[in-house]
Each structure stands twice: as structure tokens, then as C-alpha cells.
C-alpha atoms as a PDB file:
ATOM      1  CA  MET A   1     -56.805-180.286 -54.573  1.00  0.00           C
ATOM      2  CA  ASN A   2     -59.870-180.256 -55.927  1.00  0.00           C
ATOM      3  CA  ASP A   3     -60.881-180.672 -59.428  1.00  0.00           C
ATOM      4  CA  GLY A   4     -61.303-176.398 -60.188  1.00  0.00           C
ATOM      5  CA  ASP A   5     -57.329-176.758 -59.044  1.00  0.00           C
ATOM      6  CA  ARG A   6     -56.746-179.744 -60.692  1.00  0.00           C
ATOM      7  CA  PHE A   7     -58.123-178.286 -63.930  1.00  0.00           C
ATOM      8  CA  PHE A   8     -55.835-174.866 -63.089  1.00  0.00           C
ATOM      9  CA  VAL A   9     -52.680-176.795 -62.821  1.00  0.00           C
ATOM     10  CA  GLY A  10     -53.076-178.966 -66.054  1.00  0.00           C
ATOM     11  CA  LEU A  11     -53.871-175.149 -67.411  1.00  0.00           C
ATOM     12  CA  LEU A  12     -50.265-173.923 -66.714  1.00  0.00           C
ATOM     13  CA  ILE A  13     -48.620-177.227 -67.094  1.00  0.00           C
ATOM     14  CA  ALA A  14     -50.059-176.697 -70.475  1.00  0.00           C
ATOM     15  CA  GLY A  15     -48.866-173.150 -70.733  1.00  0.00           C
ATOM     16  CA  ILE A  16     -45.571-173.492 -69.287  1.00  0.00           C
ATOM     17  CA  VAL A  17     -44.714-176.439 -71.995  1.00  0.00           C
ATOM     18  CA  CYS A  18     -45.613-174.057 -74.406  1.00  0.00           C
ATOM     19  CA  VAL A  19     -43.718-171.244 -73.411  1.00  0.00           C
ATOM     20  CA  LEU A  20     -40.481-173.426 -73.134  1.00  0.00           C
ATOM     21  CA  VAL A  21     -41.542-174.604 -76.548  1.00  0.00           C
ATOM     22  CA  ILE A  22     -41.356-170.732 -78.154  1.00  0.00           C
ATOM     23  CA  LEU A  23     -38.342-170.208 -76.216  1.00  0.00           C
ATOM     24  CA  ILE A  24     -36.071-172.925 -77.324  1.00  0.00           C
ATOM     25  CA  ASP A  25     -37.246-172.180 -80.794  1.00  0.00           C
ATOM     26  CA  GLY A  26     -36.571-168.677 -80.638  1.00  0.00           C
ATOM     27  CA  TRP A  27     -33.076-168.999 -78.961  1.00  0.00           C
ATOM     28  CA  PHE A  28     -31.609-172.235 -80.065  1.00  0.00           C
ATOM     29  CA  LEU A  29     -33.551-173.321 -83.198  1.00  0.00           C
ATOM     30  CA  ARG A  30     -34.623-170.182 -85.101  1.00  0.00           C
ATOM     31  CA  PRO A  31     -30.319-168.884 -85.435  1.00  0.00           C
ATOM     32  CA  GLN A  32     -29.229-171.915 -86.845  1.00  0.00           C
ATOM     33  CA  ARG A  33     -32.859-171.453 -89.536  1.00  0.00           C
ATOM     34  CA  ASP A  34     -32.523-167.053 -89.925  1.00  0.00           C
ATOM     35  CA  PRO A  35     -28.954-166.565 -88.666  1.00  0.00           C
ATOM     36  CA  GLY A  36     -29.855-162.738 -90.147  1.00  0.00           C
ATOM     37  CA  ALA A  37     -32.936-162.179 -87.410  1.00  0.00           C
ATOM     38  CA  THR A  38     -35.013-161.028 -89.270  1.00  0.00           C
ATOM     39  CA  SER A  39     -37.888-163.345 -91.089  1.00  0.00           C
ATOM     40  CA  ALA A  40     -41.176-162.748 -89.739  1.00  0.00           C
ATOM     41  CA  GLU A  41     -42.670-166.413 -90.607  1.00  0.00           C
ATOM     42  CA  GLU A  42     -42.407-168.488 -87.537  1.00  0.00           C
ATOM     43  CA  PRO A  43     -42.571-172.446 -87.726  1.00  0.00           C
ATOM     44  CA  LEU A  44     -45.822-174.339 -87.832  1.00  0.00           C
ATOM     45  CA  LEU A  45     -45.113-175.217 -83.775  1.00  0.00           C
ATOM     46  CA  PRO A  46     -43.869-172.870 -82.097  1.00  0.00           C
ATOM     47  CA  LYS A  47     -46.761-170.471 -84.327  1.00  0.00           C
ATOM     48  CA  LEU A  48     -49.446-173.052 -82.502  1.00  0.00           C
ATOM     49  CA  ALA A  49     -47.626-173.089 -79.206  1.00  0.00           C
ATOM     50  CA  GLY A  50     -47.914-169.369 -79.477  1.00  0.00           C
ATOM     51  CA  TYR A  51     -52.143-169.253 -80.241  1.00  0.00           C
ATOM     52  CA  ALA A  52     -52.048-171.985 -77.413  1.00  0.00           C
ATOM     53  CA  LEU A  53     -51.447-169.546 -74.755  1.00  0.00           C
ATOM     54  CA  VAL A  54     -53.206-167.121 -75.837  1.00  0.00           C
ATOM     55  CA  GLY A  55     -56.463-169.343 -75.068  1.00  0.00           C
ATOM     56  CA  LEU A  56     -54.571-171.057 -71.774  1.00  0.00           C
ATOM     57  CA  SER A  57     -53.816-167.545 -70.638  1.00  0.00           C
ATOM     58  CA  LEU A  58     -57.894-166.292 -71.040  1.00  0.00           C
ATOM     59  CA  ALA A  59     -58.689-169.601 -69.637  1.00  0.00           C
ATOM     60  CA  MET A  60     -56.365-169.373 -66.820  1.00  0.00           C
ATOM     61  CA  LEU A  61     -58.348-166.084 -65.980  1.00  0.00           C
ATOM     62  CA  TRP A  62     -62.058-167.123 -66.681  1.00  0.00           C
ATOM     63  CA  ARG A  63     -61.082-169.764 -63.948  1.00  0.00           C
ATOM     64  CA  LEU A  64     -59.453-166.950 -61.929  1.00  0.00           C
ATOM     65  CA  PHE A  65     -62.070-164.361 -61.591  1.00  0.00           C
ATOM     66  CA  ARG A  66     -65.392-166.794 -62.382  1.00  0.00           C
ATOM     67  CA  TYR A  67     -64.781-168.507 -58.833  1.00  0.00           C
ATOM     68  CA  GLU A  68     -61.075-167.474 -57.441  1.00  0.00           C
ATOM     69  CA  ALA A  69     -59.233-170.693 -57.450  1.00  0.00           C
ATOM     70  CA  VAL A  70     -55.970-169.005 -57.069  1.00  0.00           C
ATOM     71  CA  ASP A  71     -54.876-165.769 -55.083  1.00  0.00           C
ATOM     72  CA  PHE A  72     -54.637-163.339 -57.958  1.00  0.00           C
ATOM     73  CA  SER A  73     -52.054-161.184 -56.301  1.00  0.00           C
ATOM     74  CA  LEU A  74     -49.890-165.140 -56.656  1.00  0.00           C
ATOM     75  CA  MET A  75     -51.166-165.184 -60.624  1.00  0.00           C
ATOM     76  CA  LEU A  76     -49.007-161.110 -61.011  1.00  0.00           C
ATOM     77  CA  VAL A  77     -45.746-162.442 -58.980  1.00  0.00           C
ATOM     78  CA  VAL A  78     -45.084-165.421 -60.696  1.00  0.00           C
ATOM     79  CA  VAL A  79     -46.261-164.258 -64.527  1.00  0.00           C
ATOM     80  CA  GLY A  80     -44.280-161.569 -63.344  1.00  0.00           C
ATOM     81  CA  ALA A  81     -41.287-163.238 -61.918  1.00  0.00           C
ATOM     82  CA  VAL A  82     -41.188-165.788 -65.012  1.00  0.00           C
ATOM     83  CA  SER A  83     -41.305-162.464 -67.508  1.00  0.00           C
ATOM     84  CA  GLY A  84     -38.811-160.945 -66.108  1.00  0.00           C
ATOM     85  CA  ILE A  85     -36.402-163.894 -65.995  1.00  0.00           C
ATOM     86  CA  ILE A  86     -37.500-164.266 -69.898  1.00  0.00           C
ATOM     87  CA  TRP A  87     -36.344-160.622 -70.601  1.00  0.00           C
ATOM     88  CA  ALA A  88     -33.215-160.746 -68.140  1.00  0.00           C
ATOM     89  CA  LEU A  89     -31.265-164.274 -69.581  1.00  0.00           C
ATOM     90  CA  ASP A  90     -32.245-162.679 -72.521  1.00  0.00           C
ATOM     91  CA  GLN A  91     -30.371-160.020 -72.339  1.00  0.00           C
ATOM     92  CA  ALA A  92     -27.377-162.189 -70.033  1.00  0.00           C
ATOM     93  CA  PHE A  93     -26.765-163.977 -73.179  1.00  0.00           C
ATOM     94  CA  PHE A  94     -28.657-164.945 -75.942  1.00  0.00           C
ATOM     95  CA  VAL A  95     -28.975-160.482 -77.259  1.00  0.00           C
ATOM     96  CA  ARG A  96     -25.411-160.134 -77.990  1.00  0.00           C
ATOM     97  CA  ARG A  97     -24.672-163.361 -80.067  1.00  0.00           C
ATOM     98  CA  ARG A  98     -28.260-162.519 -82.079  1.00  0.00           C
ATOM     99  CA  ARG A  99     -27.104-159.273 -83.595  1.00  0.00           C
ATOM    100  CA  ALA A 100     -23.331-160.615 -83.497  1.00  0.00           C
ATOM    101  CA  ALA A 101     -24.824-163.307 -85.424  1.00  0.00           C
ATOM    102  CA  ALA A 102     -27.191-160.743 -88.080  1.00  0.00           C
ATOM    103  CA  ALA A 103     -24.660-157.838 -88.022  1.00  0.00           C
ATOM    104  CA  ALA A 104     -22.557-161.174 -90.216  1.00  0.00           C
ATOM    105  CA  MET A 105     -25.588-161.621 -92.391  1.00  0.00           C
ATOM    106  CA  GLY A 106     -25.316-157.696 -92.805  1.00  0.00           C
ATOM    107  CA  THR A 107     -28.540-156.943 -91.091  1.00  0.00           C
ATOM    108  CA  PRO A 108     -28.540-153.974 -89.630  1.00  0.00           C
ATOM    109  CA  VAL A 109     -29.240-153.908 -85.882  1.00  0.00           C
ATOM    110  CA  GLU A 110     -32.295-151.857 -86.047  1.00  0.00           C
ATOM    111  CA  ARG A 111     -33.914-155.010 -87.996  1.00  0.00           C
ATOM    112  CA  VAL A 112     -32.875-157.849 -86.288  1.00  0.00           C
ATOM    113  CA  ARG A 113     -36.347-159.181 -84.353  1.00  0.00           C
ATOM    114  CA  GLU A 114     -36.601-160.408 -80.509  1.00  0.00           C
ATOM    115  CA  PRO A 115     -38.050-164.563 -80.429  1.00  0.00           C
ATOM    116  CA  ILE A 116     -41.733-163.722 -80.051  1.00  0.00           C
ATOM    117  CA  ALA A 117     -41.511-164.326 -76.360  1.00  0.00           C
ATOM    118  CA  VAL A 118     -38.930-162.128 -75.683  1.00  0.00           C
ATOM    119  CA  GLU A 119     -41.422-159.406 -76.998  1.00  0.00           C
ATOM    120  CA  TYR A 120     -44.338-160.754 -74.496  1.00  0.00           C
ATOM    121  CA  ALA A 121     -41.979-160.686 -71.692  1.00  0.00           C
ATOM    122  CA  ARG A 122     -40.402-157.591 -72.600  1.00  0.00           C
ATOM    123  CA  SER A 123     -43.337-155.871 -72.995  1.00  0.00           C
ATOM    124  CA  PHE A 124     -45.768-157.715 -69.872  1.00  0.00           C
ATOM    125  CA  PHE A 125     -43.321-157.393 -67.288  1.00  0.00           C
ATOM    126  CA  PRO A 126     -43.466-153.023 -66.630  1.00  0.00           C
ATOM    127  CA  VAL A 127     -47.404-153.652 -66.827  1.00  0.00           C
ATOM    128  CA  ILE A 128     -47.183-156.966 -64.425  1.00  0.00           C
ATOM    129  CA  ILE A 129     -45.302-155.007 -61.560  1.00  0.00           C
ATOM    130  CA  LEU A 130     -47.010-151.706 -62.090  1.00  0.00           C
ATOM    131  CA  VAL A 131     -50.353-152.952 -61.632  1.00  0.00           C
ATOM    132  CA  LEU A 132     -49.130-155.494 -58.891  1.00  0.00           C
ATOM    133  CA  ILE A 133     -47.127-152.125 -57.032  1.00  0.00           C
ATOM    134  CA  ILE A 134     -50.547-150.789 -56.854  1.00  0.00           C
ATOM    135  CA  ARG A 135     -52.628-153.790 -55.519  1.00  0.00           C
ATOM    136  CA  SER A 136     -49.502-154.497 -52.706  1.00  0.00           C
ATOM    137  CA  PHE A 137     -49.373-150.803 -51.871  1.00  0.00           C
ATOM    138  CA  LEU A 138     -52.036-148.469 -53.050  1.00  0.00           C
ATOM    139  CA  PHE A 139     -55.715-149.709 -53.499  1.00  0.00           C
ATOM    140  CA  GLU A 140     -57.664-153.189 -54.523  1.00  0.00           C
ATOM    141  CA  PRO A 141     -61.008-154.613 -55.978  1.00  0.00           C
ATOM    142  CA  PHE A 142     -62.679-157.160 -53.688  1.00  0.00           C
ATOM    143  CA  ARG A 143     -65.622-158.449 -55.086  1.00  0.00           C
ATOM    144  CA  ILE A 144     -68.479-159.047 -52.145  1.00  0.00           C
ATOM    145  CA  PRO A 145     -68.985-162.904 -51.654  1.00  0.00           C
ATOM    146  CA  SER A 146     -72.244-163.590 -50.005  1.00  0.00           C
ATOM    147  CA  ASP A 147     -75.549-160.702 -49.224  1.00  0.00           C
ATOM    148  CA  SER A 148     -74.123-160.784 -45.122  1.00  0.00           C
ATOM    149  CA  MET A 149     -73.624-157.140 -45.809  1.00  0.00           C
ATOM    150  CA  MET A 150     -77.221-155.891 -47.519  1.00  0.00           C
ATOM    151  CA  PRO A 151     -78.852-154.151 -47.815  1.00  0.00           C
ATOM    152  CA  THR A 152     -75.239-152.192 -48.221  1.00  0.00           C
ATOM    153  CA  LEU A 153     -73.453-154.179 -50.653  1.00  0.00           C
ATOM    154  CA  PHE A 154     -74.971-156.960 -52.492  1.00  0.00           C
ATOM    155  CA  ASP A 155     -72.879-159.707 -53.032  1.00  0.00           C
ATOM    156  CA  GLY A 156     -70.678-158.986 -56.695  1.00  0.00           C
ATOM    157  CA  ASP A 157     -70.793-156.065 -56.112  1.00  0.00           C
ATOM    158  CA  PHE A 158     -67.058-154.718 -56.307  1.00  0.00           C
ATOM    159  CA  ILE A 159     -65.296-152.505 -54.082  1.00  0.00           C
ATOM    160  CA  PHE A 160     -61.818-150.650 -53.710  1.00  0.00           C
ATOM    161  CA  VAL A 161     -60.097-150.737 -50.396  1.00  0.00           C
ATOM    162  CA  SER A 162     -57.760-148.576 -49.821  1.00  0.00           C
ATOM    163  CA  LYS A 163     -54.821-150.662 -48.910  1.00  0.00           C
ATOM    164  CA  PHE A 164     -52.186-148.087 -47.884  1.00  0.00           C
ATOM    165  CA  SER A 165     -54.219-147.496 -44.975  1.00  0.00           C
ATOM    166  CA  TYR A 166     -53.706-150.491 -43.403  1.00  0.00           C
ATOM    167  CA  GLY A 167     -49.206-149.971 -44.229  1.00  0.00           C
ATOM    168  CA  LEU A 168     -47.234-150.978 -46.599  1.00  0.00           C
ATOM    169  CA  ARG A 169     -47.383-154.883 -46.668  1.00  0.00           C
ATOM    170  CA  LEU A 170     -45.563-157.637 -48.866  1.00  0.00           C
ATOM    171  CA  PRO A 171     -47.623-159.471 -51.813  1.00  0.00           C
ATOM    172  CA  VAL A 172     -48.685-162.270 -51.155  1.00  0.00           C
ATOM    173  CA  ALA A 173     -47.236-163.435 -47.378  1.00  0.00           C
ATOM    174  CA  ASN A 174     -48.795-160.142 -46.702  1.00  0.00           C
ATOM    175  CA  THR A 175     -46.248-159.441 -43.960  1.00  0.00           C
ATOM    176  CA  LEU A 176     -46.169-155.581 -42.545  1.00  0.00           C
ATOM    177  CA  ILE A 177     -43.117-153.358 -43.854  1.00  0.00           C
ATOM    178  CA  LEU A 178     -43.764-150.139 -43.506  1.00  0.00           C
ATOM    179  CA  PRO A 179     -46.903-149.163 -40.906  1.00  0.00           C
ATOM    180  CA  THR A 180     -48.278-146.121 -42.001  1.00  0.00           C
ATOM    181  CA  GLY A 181     -51.484-145.353 -39.915  1.00  0.00           C
ATOM    182  CA  THR A 182     -54.635-147.064 -38.098  1.00  0.00           C
ATOM    183  CA  PRO A 183     -57.336-146.959 -41.267  1.00  0.00           C
ATOM    184  CA  PHE A 184     -60.239-144.418 -39.881  1.00  0.00           C
ATOM    185  CA  ASN A 185     -63.069-147.000 -38.529  1.00  0.00           C
ATOM    186  CA  MET A 186     -66.309-145.353 -39.773  1.00  0.00           C
ATOM    187  CA  LEU A 187     -68.660-148.616 -37.833  1.00  0.00           C
ATOM    188  CA  ALA A 188     -67.346-147.491 -34.780  1.00  0.00           C
ATOM    189  CA  MET A 189     -67.707-143.765 -35.057  1.00  0.00           C
ATOM    190  CA  ASP A 190     -71.389-144.683 -35.558  1.00  0.00           C
ATOM    191  CA  LEU A 191     -72.202-146.842 -33.017  1.00  0.00           C
ATOM    192  CA  ALA A 192     -70.291-144.491 -30.393  1.00  0.00           C
ATOM    193  CA  GLN A 193     -72.881-142.070 -32.436  1.00  0.00           C
ATOM    194  CA  THR A 194     -75.938-143.696 -31.919  1.00  0.00           C
ATOM    195  CA  SER A 195     -75.033-144.540 -28.003  1.00  0.00           C
ATOM    196  CA  ILE A 196     -74.259-141.041 -27.043  1.00  0.00           C
ATOM    197  CA  ALA A 197     -77.465-139.998 -28.607  1.00  0.00           C
ATOM    198  CA  SER A 198     -79.693-142.317 -27.366  1.00  0.00           C
ATOM    199  CA  PRO A 199     -82.300-140.973 -24.905  1.00  0.00           C
ATOM    200  CA  SER A 200     -81.794-142.395 -21.653  1.00  0.00           C
ATOM    201  CA  THR A 201     -83.554-144.936 -20.042  1.00  0.00           C
ATOM    202  CA  ASP A 202     -84.467-143.934 -16.753  1.00  0.00           C
END
């Protein structure tokens, strides 16, 4: 593991710690502090953890796009899975308890506030899944890493590749699950036309 990967892993671990701080406060400490679940004020520690999480996320995205340290599809799968798990755990174990405690305090259901981490997870999960489906099954952007394709493409250019033409494949694993045909090979057609059009040497 090089220094860049260690830096990215460090950012990821710090982000996980921030998420845990926000979840512990929202699921276990906040119901005791605010049983009515109406307070918009957050304690200093989870508030700082939320701000730090935003900064760490931006730093990880910068590291990802600038140095291509980690597979972006893998990041989408991990973040999507974590968001879905947080949302599912809240729906399965905490939302009824939170609403019952709020009702006992006379708070209407529509005024009950979710923990901030659950709000983020509920908002991000469908967006991440949609982006993952588009990148995995329809088209995906790629950045040209060198000048090997000049003069047609230059280093740093972005292109969109039709993933559907190559068959439906699982994200990250890249395992073919449904063939959809063979992509059209323009280079082979150009070579064939050149060979047919070339004058005879006899």
C-alpha cells in the first residue's frame, strides 16, 4: 500500500468514526435528551462530526478523481450499501420507538425529526443506486490517461462508453450476467475498407 492509499484509508476510517458518532447520538442519546424529537439543535460533538464528515467526503472525492486511487464503482457500492443499511436499521428498530416516545410527549408524527445521519442515508441511497445502475449497465465516463490515442483523443479527455453494448455486468466484479450483443468495431471496418480500397501492387 503506497502513501496515497494510506491517506485515502485514513480519510475513510475518520469518516466511519464520524458516522458512528452521529448514529450513536441520534439513536441512543438523543431520545433521552429530546424525547419529543423536535429539537433542531444538535450537541457540539455530533455537529462537529457532521461538518467533519462533509470535509472528509470532499477530500476523498478529490483524492479519488485526482489520483484515481480507488475504483469509483467500488466506492458507490460501499457508500450505497452503508446508506441502505443505516436506513433499514432505522426503519426496523428505531423509528417506531422514536415515534412512540414523541407521541407520549404530545408531539405530532409530522414534527418528529429523524437523526441527521438517517436523513442523509435516506436522501443519498436512491441517488447512489441510480448512479450505480447507470454506470454499470448503460454508460460510464472514462478519462484518457495518456497521449497514446493522439491526435483523436488527448491526455485528460473524457469519453462516455456504452456499457450496454458489452452486456450487463455486475458492478466491481465485472461478471457478465446478460449478453446484449457485440459492440460495433469501427477500427476493424476502417482496416477492411482500407485493404479493399488499396491499389494492387501487381
